[in-house]
């Protein structure tokens, strides 16, 4: 991500992480958006339980 930021500071960097615990680290390293598998799975379970 650092190399991308050096080439284009306005570039939107979207990354995926498996665990919520790594989310903030990726943001600090330059990710614009982080999609957490753990969070997405939890949200899907809640949707299924509340339908």
PDB file of N, CA and C in Angstrom:
ATOM      1  N   UNK A   1       0.814  -1.175   0.000  1.00  0.00           N
ATOM      2  CA  UNK A   1       0.000   0.000   0.000  1.00  0.00           C
ATOM      3  C   UNK A   1       0.867   1.252   0.000  1.00  0.00           C
ATOM      4  N   UNK A   2       1.982   1.165   0.648  1.00  0.00           N
ATOM      5  CA  UNK A   2       2.872   2.327   0.711  1.00  0.00           C
ATOM      6  C   UNK A   2       3.315   2.753  -0.681  1.00  0.00           C
ATOM      7  N   UNK A   3       3.660   1.781  -1.520  1.00  0.00           N
ATOM      8  CA  UNK A   3       4.105   2.093  -2.887  1.00  0.00           C
ATOM      9  C   UNK A   3       2.990   2.745  -3.694  1.00  0.00           C
ATOM     10  N   UNK A   4       1.767   2.262  -3.517  1.00  0.00           N
ATOM     11  CA  UNK A   4       0.621   2.844  -4.224  1.00  0.00           C
ATOM     12  C   UNK A   4       0.416   4.280  -3.771  1.00  0.00           C
ATOM     13  N   UNK A   5       0.491   4.515  -2.477  1.00  0.00           N
ATOM     14  CA  UNK A   5       0.320   5.874  -1.938  1.00  0.00           C
ATOM     15  C   UNK A   5       1.393   6.820  -2.476  1.00  0.00           C
ATOM     16  N   UNK A   6       2.612   6.318  -2.613  1.00  0.00           N
ATOM     17  CA  UNK A   6       3.690   7.160  -3.140  1.00  0.00           C
ATOM     18  C   UNK A   6       3.429   7.541  -4.594  1.00  0.00           C
ATOM     19  N   UNK A   7       2.839   6.627  -5.359  1.00  0.00           N
ATOM     20  CA  UNK A   7       2.546   6.898  -6.767  1.00  0.00           C
ATOM     21  C   UNK A   7       1.310   7.771  -6.954  1.00  0.00           C
ATOM     22  N   UNK A   8       0.322   7.580  -6.082  1.00  0.00           N
ATOM     23  CA  UNK A   8      -0.936   8.308  -6.237  1.00  0.00           C
ATOM     24  C   UNK A   8      -1.590   8.472  -4.870  1.00  0.00           C
ATOM     25  N   UNK A   9      -1.462   9.645  -4.290  1.00  0.00           N
ATOM     26  CA  UNK A   9      -1.991   9.883  -2.946  1.00  0.00           C
ATOM     27  C   UNK A   9      -3.510   9.883  -2.898  1.00  0.00           C
ATOM     28  N   UNK A  10      -4.161  10.092  -4.044  1.00  0.00           N
ATOM     29  CA  UNK A  10      -5.623  10.129  -4.076  1.00  0.00           C
ATOM     30  C   UNK A  10      -6.246   8.764  -4.370  1.00  0.00           C
ATOM     31  N   UNK A  11      -5.415   7.772  -4.630  1.00  0.00           N
ATOM     32  CA  UNK A  11      -5.913   6.437  -4.982  1.00  0.00           C
ATOM     33  C   UNK A  11      -6.706   5.840  -3.819  1.00  0.00           C
ATOM     34  N   UNK A  12      -7.825   5.251  -4.132  1.00  0.00           N
ATOM     35  CA  UNK A  12      -8.643   4.583  -3.121  1.00  0.00           C
ATOM     36  C   UNK A  12      -8.181   3.127  -3.024  1.00  0.00           C
ATOM     37  N   UNK A  13      -7.704   2.733  -1.852  1.00  0.00           N
ATOM     38  CA  UNK A  13      -7.195   1.381  -1.640  1.00  0.00           C
ATOM     39  C   UNK A  13      -8.191   0.615  -0.779  1.00  0.00           C
ATOM     40  N   UNK A  14      -8.752  -0.436  -1.352  1.00  0.00           N
ATOM     41  CA  UNK A  14      -9.731  -1.266  -0.653  1.00  0.00           C
ATOM     42  C   UNK A  14      -9.106  -2.641  -0.442  1.00  0.00           C
ATOM     43  N   UNK A  15      -9.063  -3.081   0.812  1.00  0.00           N
ATOM     44  CA  UNK A  15      -8.454  -4.368   1.136  1.00  0.00           C
ATOM     45  C   UNK A  15      -9.420  -5.233   1.939  1.00  0.00           C
ATOM     46  N   UNK A  16      -9.099  -6.517   1.974  1.00  0.00           N
ATOM     47  CA  UNK A  16      -9.896  -7.485   2.728  1.00  0.00           C
ATOM     48  C   UNK A  16      -9.018  -8.074   3.818  1.00  0.00           C
ATOM     49  N   UNK A  17      -9.602  -8.269   4.992  1.00  0.00           N
ATOM     50  CA  UNK A  17      -8.876  -8.954   6.060  1.00  0.00           C
ATOM     51  C   UNK A  17      -9.769 -10.044   6.629  1.00  0.00           C
ATOM     52  N   UNK A  18      -9.146 -11.042   7.159  1.00  0.00           N
ATOM     53  CA  UNK A  18      -9.906 -12.156   7.723  1.00  0.00           C
ATOM     54  C   UNK A  18     -10.467 -11.798   9.098  1.00  0.00           C
ATOM     55  N   UNK A  19      -9.646 -11.167   9.929  1.00  0.00           N
ATOM     56  CA  UNK A  19     -10.040 -10.924  11.315  1.00  0.00           C
ATOM     57  C   UNK A  19     -10.155  -9.434  11.625  1.00  0.00           C
ATOM     58  N   UNK A  20     -11.107  -9.119  12.450  1.00  0.00           N
ATOM     59  CA  UNK A  20     -11.371  -7.750  12.882  1.00  0.00           C
ATOM     60  C   UNK A  20     -10.135  -7.124  13.538  1.00  0.00           C
ATOM     61  N   UNK A  21      -9.335  -7.941  14.193  1.00  0.00           N
ATOM     62  CA  UNK A  21      -8.161  -7.447  14.918  1.00  0.00           C
ATOM     63  C   UNK A  21      -7.133  -6.787  13.996  1.00  0.00           C
ATOM     64  N   UNK A  22      -7.118  -7.147  12.725  1.00  0.00           N
ATOM     65  CA  UNK A  22      -6.133  -6.568  11.802  1.00  0.00           C
ATOM     66  C   UNK A  22      -6.657  -5.343  11.062  1.00  0.00           C
ATOM     67  N   UNK A  23      -7.912  -5.034  11.237  1.00  0.00           N
ATOM     68  CA  UNK A  23      -8.552  -3.932  10.520  1.00  0.00           C
ATOM     69  C   UNK A  23      -7.837  -2.596  10.744  1.00  0.00           C
ATOM     70  N   UNK A  24      -7.620  -2.240  11.971  1.00  0.00           N
ATOM     71  CA  UNK A  24      -7.018  -0.933  12.277  1.00  0.00           C
ATOM     72  C   UNK A  24      -5.576  -0.847  11.776  1.00  0.00           C
ATOM     73  N   UNK A  25      -4.847  -1.940  11.840  1.00  0.00           N
ATOM     74  CA  UNK A  25      -3.474  -1.964  11.326  1.00  0.00           C
ATOM     75  C   UNK A  25      -3.453  -1.655   9.838  1.00  0.00           C
ATOM     76  N   UNK A  26      -4.364  -2.251   9.091  1.00  0.00           N
ATOM     77  CA  UNK A  26      -4.430  -2.009   7.650  1.00  0.00           C
ATOM     78  C   UNK A  26      -4.790  -0.559   7.347  1.00  0.00           C
ATOM     79  N   UNK A  27      -5.675   0.017   8.133  1.00  0.00           N
ATOM     80  CA  UNK A  27      -6.010   1.437   7.948  1.00  0.00           C
ATOM     81  C   UNK A  27      -4.796   2.318   8.210  1.00  0.00           C
ATOM     82  N   UNK A  28      -4.062   2.004   9.261  1.00  0.00           N
ATOM     83  CA  UNK A  28      -2.858   2.786   9.580  1.00  0.00           C
ATOM     84  C   UNK A  28      -1.799   2.649   8.496  1.00  0.00           C
ATOM     85  N   UNK A  29      -1.790   1.512   7.802  1.00  0.00           N
ATOM     86  CA  UNK A  29      -0.823   1.287   6.732  1.00  0.00           C
ATOM     87  C   UNK A  29      -1.239   1.943   5.425  1.00  0.00           C
ATOM     88  N   UNK A  30      -2.442   2.535   5.389  1.00  0.00           N
ATOM     89  CA  UNK A  30      -2.831   3.293   4.208  1.00  0.00           C
ATOM     90  C   UNK A  30      -4.087   2.851   3.489  1.00  0.00           C
ATOM     91  N   UNK A  31      -4.756   1.819   3.975  1.00  0.00           N
ATOM     92  CA  UNK A  31      -5.986   1.370   3.319  1.00  0.00           C
ATOM     93  C   UNK A  31      -7.083   2.413   3.496  1.00  0.00           C
ATOM     94  N   UNK A  32      -7.802   2.689   2.422  1.00  0.00           N
ATOM     95  CA  UNK A  32      -8.932   3.618   2.490  1.00  0.00           C
ATOM     96  C   UNK A  32     -10.134   2.932   3.124  1.00  0.00           C
ATOM     97  N   UNK A  33     -10.361   1.700   2.722  1.00  0.00           N
ATOM     98  CA  UNK A  33     -11.475   0.901   3.229  1.00  0.00           C
ATOM     99  C   UNK A  33     -10.969  -0.504   3.517  1.00  0.00           C
ATOM    100  N   UNK A  34     -11.491  -1.111   4.578  1.00  0.00           N
ATOM    101  CA  UNK A  34     -11.127  -2.483   4.914  1.00  0.00           C
ATOM    102  C   UNK A  34     -12.406  -3.283   5.099  1.00  0.00           C
ATOM    103  N   UNK A  35     -12.510  -4.385   4.371  1.00  0.00           N
ATOM    104  CA  UNK A  35     -13.653  -5.285   4.489  1.00  0.00           C
ATOM    105  C   UNK A  35     -13.204  -6.459   5.350  1.00  0.00           C
ATOM    106  N   UNK A  36     -13.872  -6.645   6.467  1.00  0.00           N
ATOM    107  CA  UNK A  36     -13.517  -7.709   7.402  1.00  0.00           C
ATOM    108  C   UNK A  36     -14.424  -8.917   7.194  1.00  0.00           C
ATOM    109  N   UNK A  37     -13.821 -10.071   6.898  1.00  0.00           N
ATOM    110  CA  UNK A  37     -14.605 -11.299   6.734  1.00  0.00           C
ATOM    111  C   UNK A  37     -15.369 -11.611   8.014  1.00  0.00           C
ATOM    112  N   UNK A  38     -14.711 -11.421   9.139  1.00  0.00           N
ATOM    113  CA  UNK A  38     -15.318 -11.714  10.430  1.00  0.00           C
ATOM    114  C   UNK A  38     -16.575 -10.863  10.644  1.00  0.00           C
ATOM    115  N   UNK A  39     -16.483  -9.584  10.339  1.00  0.00           N
ATOM    116  CA  UNK A  39     -17.621  -8.680  10.516  1.00  0.00           C
ATOM    117  C   UNK A  39     -18.746  -9.007   9.533  1.00  0.00           C
ATOM    118  N   UNK A  40     -18.375  -9.295   8.288  1.00  0.00           N
ATOM    119  CA  UNK A  40     -19.380  -9.629   7.278  1.00  0.00           C
ATOM    120  C   UNK A  40     -20.115 -10.915   7.643  1.00  0.00           C
ATOM    121  N   UNK A  41     -19.387 -11.902   8.145  1.00  0.00           N
ATOM    122  CA  UNK A  41     -20.010 -13.165   8.558  1.00  0.00           C
ATOM    123  C   UNK A  41     -20.969 -12.931   9.721  1.00  0.00           C
ATOM    124  N   UNK A  42     -20.558 -12.133  10.682  1.00  0.00           N
ATOM    125  CA  UNK A  42     -21.418 -11.840  11.829  1.00  0.00           C
ATOM    126  C   UNK A  42     -22.682 -11.110  11.388  1.00  0.00           C
ATOM    127  N   UNK A  43     -22.543 -10.156  10.479  1.00  0.00           N
ATOM    128  CA  UNK A  43     -23.708  -9.416   9.981  1.00  0.00           C
ATOM    129  C   UNK A  43     -24.669 -10.344   9.248  1.00  0.00           C
ATOM    130  N   UNK A  44     -24.129 -11.271   8.468  1.00  0.00           N
ATOM    131  CA  UNK A  44     -24.975 -12.222   7.742  1.00  0.00           C
ATOM    132  C   UNK A  44     -25.722 -13.137   8.710  1.00  0.00           C
ATOM    133  N   UNK A  45     -25.061 -13.599   9.755  1.00  0.00           N
ATOM    134  CA  UNK A  45     -25.718 -14.450  10.750  1.00  0.00           C
ATOM    135  C   UNK A  45     -26.852 -13.696  11.424  1.00  0.00           C
ATOM    136  N   UNK A  46     -26.620 -12.450  11.782  1.00  0.00           N
ATOM    137  CA  UNK A  46     -27.672 -11.634  12.405  1.00  0.00           C
ATOM    138  C   UNK A  46     -28.849 -11.481  11.453  1.00  0.00           C
ATOM    139  N   UNK A  47     -28.587 -11.207  10.169  1.00  0.00           N
ATOM    140  CA  UNK A  47     -29.678 -11.083   9.189  1.00  0.00           C
ATOM    141  C   UNK A  47     -30.480 -12.374   9.092  1.00  0.00           C
ATOM    142  N   UNK A  48     -29.795 -13.495   9.060  1.00  0.00           N
ATOM    143  CA  UNK A  48     -30.487 -14.781   8.960  1.00  0.00           C
ATOM    144  C   UNK A  48     -31.333 -15.067  10.197  1.00  0.00           C
ATOM    145  N   UNK A  49     -30.842 -14.684  11.352  1.00  0.00           N
ATOM    146  CA  UNK A  49     -31.575 -14.935  12.591  1.00  0.00           C
ATOM    147  C   UNK A  49     -32.766 -14.002  12.773  1.00  0.00           C
ATOM    148  N   UNK A  50     -32.714 -12.836  12.158  1.00  0.00           N
ATOM    149  CA  UNK A  50     -33.792 -11.864  12.351  1.00  0.00           C
ATOM    150  C   UNK A  50     -34.816 -11.853  11.222  1.00  0.00           C
ATOM    151  N   UNK A  51     -34.611 -12.662  10.204  1.00  0.00           N
ATOM    152  CA  UNK A  51     -35.594 -12.741   9.104  1.00  0.00           C
ATOM    153  C   UNK A  51     -36.783 -13.586   9.488  1.00  0.00           C
TER     154      UNK A  51
END
